[in-house]
Amino acid sequence: MSVVGLDVGSQSCYIAVARAGGIETIANEFSDRCTPSVISFGSKNRTIGVAAKNQQVTHANNTVSNFKRFHGRAFSDPFIQKEKENLSYDLVPMKNGGVGIKVTSPPSSQMLRGGLC
């Protein structure tokens, strides 16, 4: 029997499998055991991890990283108000008072809430 464990962090994610012989951290498509917690929204697709991190410069307003630190906070929280000025993507208030992000991905805008990996 195998057990899979996920570690979703603010800046990186890990996936490991525990088997009778020990624990193995699974490598991503770039042979790295650590995958950046980044997602990028393009006109036709979404990319995650290393590929999304590579797009932070060219598609900054549609690439989201470090969102986990906002999860569970109210949009009116002074920390959120201060941090949103330094982000390349837009933070928006949700109906429940929480924090969401807004990305533009043709043909329409998308509203997302919760933590991303």
C-alpha atoms as a PDB file:
ATOM      1  CA  MET A   1       0.000   0.000   0.000  1.00  0.00           C
ATOM      2  CA  SER A   2       1.225   3.526  -0.862  1.00  0.00           C
ATOM      3  CA  VAL A   3       0.330   6.868   0.686  1.00  0.00           C
ATOM      4  CA  VAL A   4       0.613  10.175  -1.173  1.00  0.00           C
ATOM      5  CA  GLY A   5       1.405  13.373   0.716  1.00  0.00           C
ATOM      6  CA  LEU A   6       1.044  16.944  -0.544  1.00  0.00           C
ATOM      7  CA  ASP A   7       2.819  19.962   0.907  1.00  0.00           C
ATOM      8  CA  VAL A   8       1.312  23.115  -0.554  1.00  0.00           C
ATOM      9  CA  GLY A   9       3.370  26.090   0.528  1.00  0.00           C
ATOM     10  CA  SER A  10       3.294  29.806  -0.200  1.00  0.00           C
ATOM     11  CA  GLN A  11       6.237  29.608  -2.571  1.00  0.00           C
ATOM     12  CA  SER A  12       6.571  25.933  -3.474  1.00  0.00           C
ATOM     13  CA  CYS A  13       4.789  22.554  -3.510  1.00  0.00           C
ATOM     14  CA  TYR A  14       6.011  19.032  -2.914  1.00  0.00           C
ATOM     15  CA  ILE A  15       4.429  15.643  -3.599  1.00  0.00           C
ATOM     16  CA  ALA A  16       5.789  12.528  -1.916  1.00  0.00           C
ATOM     17  CA  VAL A  17       4.883   8.844  -1.881  1.00  0.00           C
ATOM     18  CA  ALA A  18       5.399   6.687   1.207  1.00  0.00           C
ATOM     19  CA  ARG A  19       5.892   3.013   0.448  1.00  0.00           C
ATOM     20  CA  ALA A  20       7.227   0.055   2.355  1.00  0.00           C
ATOM     21  CA  GLY A  21      10.763   0.983   1.272  1.00  0.00           C
ATOM     22  CA  GLY A  22      10.632   4.617   2.427  1.00  0.00           C
ATOM     23  CA  ILE A  23       9.496   8.031   1.228  1.00  0.00           C
ATOM     24  CA  GLU A  24      10.119   9.314  -2.288  1.00  0.00           C
ATOM     25  CA  THR A  25       9.596  12.952  -3.314  1.00  0.00           C
ATOM     26  CA  ILE A  26       8.172  13.016  -6.838  1.00  0.00           C
ATOM     27  CA  ALA A  27      10.021  15.093  -9.446  1.00  0.00           C
ATOM     28  CA  ASN A  28       8.157  17.419 -11.807  1.00  0.00           C
ATOM     29  CA  GLU A  29       8.584  17.653 -15.590  1.00  0.00           C
ATOM     30  CA  PHE A  30      11.851  19.583 -15.086  1.00  0.00           C
ATOM     31  CA  SER A  31      13.258  16.852 -12.789  1.00  0.00           C
ATOM     32  CA  ASP A  32      12.958  19.172  -9.783  1.00  0.00           C
ATOM     33  CA  ARG A  33      11.496  17.897  -6.545  1.00  0.00           C
ATOM     34  CA  CYS A  34      10.251  21.383  -5.657  1.00  0.00           C
ATOM     35  CA  THR A  35       7.547  22.973  -7.840  1.00  0.00           C
ATOM     36  CA  PRO A  36       6.941  26.741  -7.568  1.00  0.00           C
ATOM     37  CA  SER A  37       3.448  27.721  -6.344  1.00  0.00           C
ATOM     38  CA  VAL A  38       2.718  29.820  -9.404  1.00  0.00           C
ATOM     39  CA  ILE A  39      -0.080  29.746 -11.987  1.00  0.00           C
ATOM     40  CA  SER A  40      -0.244  31.745 -15.208  1.00  0.00           C
ATOM     41  CA  PHE A  41      -3.372  32.308 -17.290  1.00  0.00           C
ATOM     42  CA  GLY A  42      -2.833  32.637 -21.034  1.00  0.00           C
ATOM     43  CA  SER A  43      -5.227  33.230 -23.889  1.00  0.00           C
ATOM     44  CA  LYS A  44      -5.630  29.502 -24.577  1.00  0.00           C
ATOM     45  CA  ASN A  45      -4.172  27.670 -21.582  1.00  0.00           C
ATOM     46  CA  ARG A  46      -3.065  27.751 -17.965  1.00  0.00           C
ATOM     47  CA  THR A  47       0.424  26.878 -16.881  1.00  0.00           C
ATOM     48  CA  ILE A  48       1.655  25.963 -13.414  1.00  0.00           C
ATOM     49  CA  GLY A  49       4.953  25.585 -11.631  1.00  0.00           C
ATOM     50  CA  VAL A  50       8.240  26.314 -13.391  1.00  0.00           C
ATOM     51  CA  ALA A  51       6.588  27.148 -16.735  1.00  0.00           C
ATOM     52  CA  ALA A  52       4.314  29.705 -15.033  1.00  0.00           C
ATOM     53  CA  LYS A  53       7.195  31.196 -13.050  1.00  0.00           C
ATOM     54  CA  ASN A  54       9.032  31.775 -16.334  1.00  0.00           C
ATOM     55  CA  GLN A  55       6.058  33.900 -17.484  1.00  0.00           C
ATOM     56  CA  GLN A  56       6.082  36.245 -14.467  1.00  0.00           C
ATOM     57  CA  VAL A  57       8.027  38.876 -16.392  1.00  0.00           C
ATOM     58  CA  THR A  58       6.167  38.744 -19.704  1.00  0.00           C
ATOM     59  CA  HIS A  59       2.635  38.121 -18.356  1.00  0.00           C
ATOM     60  CA  ALA A  60       2.879  39.621 -14.872  1.00  0.00           C
ATOM     61  CA  ASN A  61      -0.755  40.739 -14.528  1.00  0.00           C
ATOM     62  CA  ASN A  62      -2.022  37.226 -15.331  1.00  0.00           C
ATOM     63  CA  THR A  63       0.529  35.277 -13.282  1.00  0.00           C
ATOM     64  CA  VAL A  64      -0.320  34.610  -9.642  1.00  0.00           C
ATOM     65  CA  SER A  65       2.170  33.660  -6.931  1.00  0.00           C
ATOM     66  CA  ASN A  66       2.333  33.869  -3.130  1.00  0.00           C
ATOM     67  CA  PHE A  67      -1.450  34.015  -2.896  1.00  0.00           C
ATOM     68  CA  LYS A  68      -1.612  31.634   0.059  1.00  0.00           C
ATOM     69  CA  ARG A  69      -0.622  34.427   2.463  1.00  0.00           C
ATOM     70  CA  PHE A  70      -3.932  36.169   1.673  1.00  0.00           C
ATOM     71  CA  HIS A  71      -6.080  33.066   2.178  1.00  0.00           C
ATOM     72  CA  GLY A  72      -8.424  33.342   5.145  1.00  0.00           C
ATOM     73  CA  ARG A  73      -8.018  37.098   5.547  1.00  0.00           C
ATOM     74  CA  ALA A  74     -10.684  39.760   5.081  1.00  0.00           C
ATOM     75  CA  PHE A  75     -10.254  42.093   2.122  1.00  0.00           C
ATOM     76  CA  SER A  76     -10.449  45.021   4.542  1.00  0.00           C
ATOM     77  CA  ASP A  77      -7.476  43.698   6.569  1.00  0.00           C
ATOM     78  CA  PRO A  78      -4.727  46.390   6.686  1.00  0.00           C
ATOM     79  CA  PHE A  79      -2.167  43.766   5.618  1.00  0.00           C
ATOM     80  CA  ILE A  80      -4.147  43.073   2.427  1.00  0.00           C
ATOM     81  CA  GLN A  81      -4.585  46.753   1.658  1.00  0.00           C
ATOM     82  CA  LYS A  82      -0.856  47.370   2.032  1.00  0.00           C
ATOM     83  CA  GLU A  83       0.236  44.316   0.029  1.00  0.00           C
ATOM     84  CA  LYS A  84      -2.136  44.813  -2.900  1.00  0.00           C
ATOM     85  CA  GLU A  85      -0.244  47.953  -3.925  1.00  0.00           C
ATOM     86  CA  ASN A  86       2.887  45.862  -4.595  1.00  0.00           C
ATOM     87  CA  LEU A  87       1.297  43.082  -6.663  1.00  0.00           C
ATOM     88  CA  SER A  88       1.263  42.699 -10.426  1.00  0.00           C
ATOM     89  CA  TYR A  89      -2.180  41.025 -10.271  1.00  0.00           C
ATOM     90  CA  ASP A  90      -5.394  42.502  -8.863  1.00  0.00           C
ATOM     91  CA  LEU A  91      -6.865  41.587  -5.478  1.00  0.00           C
ATOM     92  CA  VAL A  92     -10.632  42.060  -5.298  1.00  0.00           C
ATOM     93  CA  PRO A  93     -13.209  41.725  -2.517  1.00  0.00           C
ATOM     94  CA  MET A  94     -15.416  38.635  -2.583  1.00  0.00           C
ATOM     95  CA  LYS A  95     -19.102  38.608  -1.592  1.00  0.00           C
ATOM     96  CA  ASN A  96     -18.216  37.009   1.752  1.00  0.00           C
ATOM     97  CA  GLY A  97     -15.648  39.734   2.526  1.00  0.00           C
ATOM     98  CA  GLY A  98     -12.666  37.545   1.666  1.00  0.00           C
ATOM     99  CA  VAL A  99      -9.885  38.117  -0.823  1.00  0.00           C
ATOM    100  CA  GLY A 100     -10.061  37.077  -4.462  1.00  0.00           C
ATOM    101  CA  ILE A 101      -7.868  37.649  -7.476  1.00  0.00           C
ATOM    102  CA  LYS A 102      -8.833  38.937 -10.891  1.00  0.00           C
ATOM    103  CA  VAL A 103      -7.006  37.802 -14.000  1.00  0.00           C
ATOM    104  CA  THR A 104      -7.773  38.673 -17.591  1.00  0.00           C
ATOM    105  CA  SER A 105      -7.781  35.623 -19.785  1.00  0.00           C
ATOM    106  CA  PRO A 106      -9.420  36.182 -23.166  1.00  0.00           C
ATOM    107  CA  PRO A 107     -12.233  35.942 -24.018  1.00  0.00           C
ATOM    108  CA  SER A 108     -13.331  37.016 -20.499  1.00  0.00           C
ATOM    109  CA  SER A 109     -12.130  37.961 -17.029  1.00  0.00           C
ATOM    110  CA  GLN A 110     -12.038  35.306 -14.316  1.00  0.00           C
ATOM    111  CA  MET A 111     -12.517  35.725 -10.581  1.00  0.00           C
ATOM    112  CA  LEU A 112     -10.699  33.246  -8.363  1.00  0.00           C
ATOM    113  CA  ARG A 113     -10.764  32.757  -4.631  1.00  0.00           C
ATOM    114  CA  GLY A 114      -8.952  30.550  -2.185  1.00  0.00           C
ATOM    115  CA  GLY A 115      -5.364  29.365  -2.160  1.00  0.00           C
ATOM    116  CA  LEU A 116      -3.539  28.449  -5.349  1.00  0.00           C
ATOM    117  CA  CYS A 117      -0.746  26.067  -5.976  1.00  0.00           C
END
